[in-house]
Amino acid sequence: MSDTTTQIPGSRTKTFSDKPSMAHEAANRASEFAETAADKADEALEKGKHMADVAGVKAKEARALLVDQIRENPLAAVGIAFGVGILIAVLRK
């Protein structure tokens, strides 16, 4: 009676009588992959939080600059707002 064999890429030839060890090896690889994926997800989450914090700071700075500009030149701000309103009205028709 001959053993049926299978070749796993990057591995030695195993027989089907080695099924428990193949399953154990697959479980180990899956576990390692899950750990790596979790680590990468944590890194991405931390990077995303950092980027959101930076964006929040920049938005606050831009808002403060805009408020200062409006206070320094209120007529220009009203004129710009009026012009943008007219443009939007024309584009909606």
C-alpha atoms as a PDB file:
ATOM      1  CA  MET A   1       0.000   0.000   0.000  1.00  0.00           C
ATOM      2  CA  SER A   2       1.504   3.344  -0.969  1.00  0.00           C
ATOM      3  CA  ASP A   3       1.255   6.579   1.037  1.00  0.00           C
ATOM      4  CA  THR A   4      -0.423   9.465  -0.695  1.00  0.00           C
ATOM      5  CA  THR A   5       1.813  12.518  -0.561  1.00  0.00           C
ATOM      6  CA  THR A   6       1.362  16.189  -1.055  1.00  0.00           C
ATOM      7  CA  GLN A   7       3.945  18.887  -1.650  1.00  0.00           C
ATOM      8  CA  ILE A   8       3.483  22.083   0.311  1.00  0.00           C
ATOM      9  CA  PRO A   9       5.342  24.976  -1.322  1.00  0.00           C
ATOM     10  CA  GLY A  10       8.443  25.896   0.660  1.00  0.00           C
ATOM     11  CA  SER A  11       8.256  22.720   2.708  1.00  0.00           C
ATOM     12  CA  ARG A  12       9.346  19.122   2.591  1.00  0.00           C
ATOM     13  CA  THR A  13       7.116  16.421   1.131  1.00  0.00           C
ATOM     14  CA  LYS A  14       4.657  15.192   3.748  1.00  0.00           C
ATOM     15  CA  THR A  15       2.408  12.193   3.786  1.00  0.00           C
ATOM     16  CA  PHE A  16      -1.220  12.305   4.784  1.00  0.00           C
ATOM     17  CA  SER A  17      -0.240  10.335   7.854  1.00  0.00           C
ATOM     18  CA  ASP A  18       1.325  13.636   9.026  1.00  0.00           C
ATOM     19  CA  LYS A  19      -2.093  15.381   9.110  1.00  0.00           C
ATOM     20  CA  PRO A  20      -1.947  16.267  12.825  1.00  0.00           C
ATOM     21  CA  SER A  21       1.454  17.933  12.414  1.00  0.00           C
ATOM     22  CA  MET A  22       0.283  19.718   9.260  1.00  0.00           C
ATOM     23  CA  ALA A  23      -2.776  21.016  11.106  1.00  0.00           C
ATOM     24  CA  HIS A  24      -0.602  22.125  14.010  1.00  0.00           C
ATOM     25  CA  GLU A  25       1.769  23.911  11.629  1.00  0.00           C
ATOM     26  CA  ALA A  26      -1.171  25.615   9.869  1.00  0.00           C
ATOM     27  CA  ALA A  27      -2.597  26.701  13.233  1.00  0.00           C
ATOM     28  CA  ASN A  28       0.772  28.129  14.270  1.00  0.00           C
ATOM     29  CA  ARG A  29       1.098  30.059  11.013  1.00  0.00           C
ATOM     30  CA  ALA A  30      -2.462  31.358  11.345  1.00  0.00           C
ATOM     31  CA  SER A  31      -1.731  32.459  14.907  1.00  0.00           C
ATOM     32  CA  GLU A  32       1.451  34.251  13.839  1.00  0.00           C
ATOM     33  CA  PHE A  33      -0.439  35.928  11.009  1.00  0.00           C
ATOM     34  CA  ALA A  34      -3.194  37.047  13.397  1.00  0.00           C
ATOM     35  CA  GLU A  35      -0.619  38.517  15.801  1.00  0.00           C
ATOM     36  CA  THR A  36       1.128  40.353  12.985  1.00  0.00           C
ATOM     37  CA  ALA A  37      -2.192  41.684  11.674  1.00  0.00           C
ATOM     38  CA  ALA A  38      -3.175  42.853  15.166  1.00  0.00           C
ATOM     39  CA  ASP A  39       0.174  44.621  15.585  1.00  0.00           C
ATOM     40  CA  LYS A  40      -0.199  46.344  12.212  1.00  0.00           C
ATOM     41  CA  ALA A  41      -3.768  47.383  13.084  1.00  0.00           C
ATOM     42  CA  ASP A  42      -2.579  48.856  16.395  1.00  0.00           C
ATOM     43  CA  GLU A  43       0.172  50.785  14.606  1.00  0.00           C
ATOM     44  CA  ALA A  44      -2.313  52.113  12.044  1.00  0.00           C
ATOM     45  CA  LEU A  45      -4.716  53.132  14.818  1.00  0.00           C
ATOM     46  CA  GLU A  46      -2.001  55.033  16.666  1.00  0.00           C
ATOM     47  CA  LYS A  47      -0.874  56.733  13.450  1.00  0.00           C
ATOM     48  CA  GLY A  48      -4.478  57.675  12.683  1.00  0.00           C
ATOM     49  CA  LYS A  49      -4.948  59.150  16.165  1.00  0.00           C
ATOM     50  CA  HIS A  50      -1.770  61.166  15.777  1.00  0.00           C
ATOM     51  CA  MET A  51      -2.826  62.450  12.364  1.00  0.00           C
ATOM     52  CA  ALA A  52      -6.263  63.399  13.732  1.00  0.00           C
ATOM     53  CA  ASP A  53      -4.628  65.299  16.597  1.00  0.00           C
ATOM     54  CA  VAL A  54      -2.365  67.176  14.176  1.00  0.00           C
ATOM     55  CA  ALA A  55      -5.324  67.973  11.899  1.00  0.00           C
ATOM     56  CA  GLY A  56      -7.301  69.252  14.896  1.00  0.00           C
ATOM     57  CA  VAL A  57      -4.487  71.579  15.915  1.00  0.00           C
ATOM     58  CA  LYS A  58      -4.111  72.876  12.363  1.00  0.00           C
ATOM     59  CA  ALA A  59      -7.868  73.434  12.066  1.00  0.00           C
ATOM     60  CA  LYS A  60      -7.874  75.452  15.288  1.00  0.00           C
ATOM     61  CA  GLU A  61      -4.948  77.527  14.014  1.00  0.00           C
ATOM     62  CA  ALA A  62      -6.706  78.143  10.679  1.00  0.00           C
ATOM     63  CA  ARG A  63      -9.903  79.140  12.479  1.00  0.00           C
ATOM     64  CA  ALA A  64      -8.015  81.581  14.694  1.00  0.00           C
ATOM     65  CA  LEU A  65      -6.317  83.092  11.633  1.00  0.00           C
ATOM     66  CA  LEU A  66      -9.651  83.424   9.833  1.00  0.00           C
ATOM     67  CA  VAL A  67     -11.279  85.092  12.846  1.00  0.00           C
ATOM     68  CA  ASP A  68      -8.361  87.534  13.068  1.00  0.00           C
ATOM     69  CA  GLN A  69      -8.661  88.361   9.363  1.00  0.00           C
ATOM     70  CA  ILE A  70     -12.403  88.976   9.699  1.00  0.00           C
ATOM     71  CA  ARG A  71     -11.867  91.242  12.701  1.00  0.00           C
ATOM     72  CA  GLU A  72      -9.187  93.222  10.876  1.00  0.00           C
ATOM     73  CA  ASN A  73     -11.167  93.568   7.607  1.00  0.00           C
ATOM     74  CA  PRO A  74     -14.891  93.097   8.288  1.00  0.00           C
ATOM     75  CA  LEU A  75     -16.035  94.778   5.044  1.00  0.00           C
ATOM     76  CA  ALA A  76     -13.803  92.546   2.944  1.00  0.00           C
ATOM     77  CA  ALA A  77     -15.190  89.497   4.754  1.00  0.00           C
ATOM     78  CA  VAL A  78     -18.767  90.595   4.057  1.00  0.00           C
ATOM     79  CA  GLY A  79     -17.913  91.256   0.408  1.00  0.00           C
ATOM     80  CA  ILE A  80     -16.303  87.853  -0.001  1.00  0.00           C
ATOM     81  CA  ALA A  81     -19.267  86.141   1.676  1.00  0.00           C
ATOM     82  CA  PHE A  82     -21.665  88.034  -0.618  1.00  0.00           C
ATOM     83  CA  GLY A  83     -19.655  87.056  -3.697  1.00  0.00           C
ATOM     84  CA  VAL A  84     -19.562  83.402  -2.702  1.00  0.00           C
ATOM     85  CA  GLY A  85     -23.313  83.486  -2.077  1.00  0.00           C
ATOM     86  CA  ILE A  86     -23.957  84.941  -5.538  1.00  0.00           C
ATOM     87  CA  LEU A  87     -21.674  82.318  -7.128  1.00  0.00           C
ATOM     88  CA  ILE A  88     -23.478  79.480  -5.376  1.00  0.00           C
ATOM     89  CA  ALA A  89     -26.861  80.904  -6.423  1.00  0.00           C
ATOM     90  CA  VAL A  90     -25.762  81.128 -10.055  1.00  0.00           C
ATOM     91  CA  LEU A  91     -24.351  77.595 -10.052  1.00  0.00           C
ATOM     92  CA  ARG A  92     -27.541  76.119  -8.570  1.00  0.00           C
ATOM     93  CA  LYS A  93     -29.719  77.450 -11.404  1.00  0.00           C
END
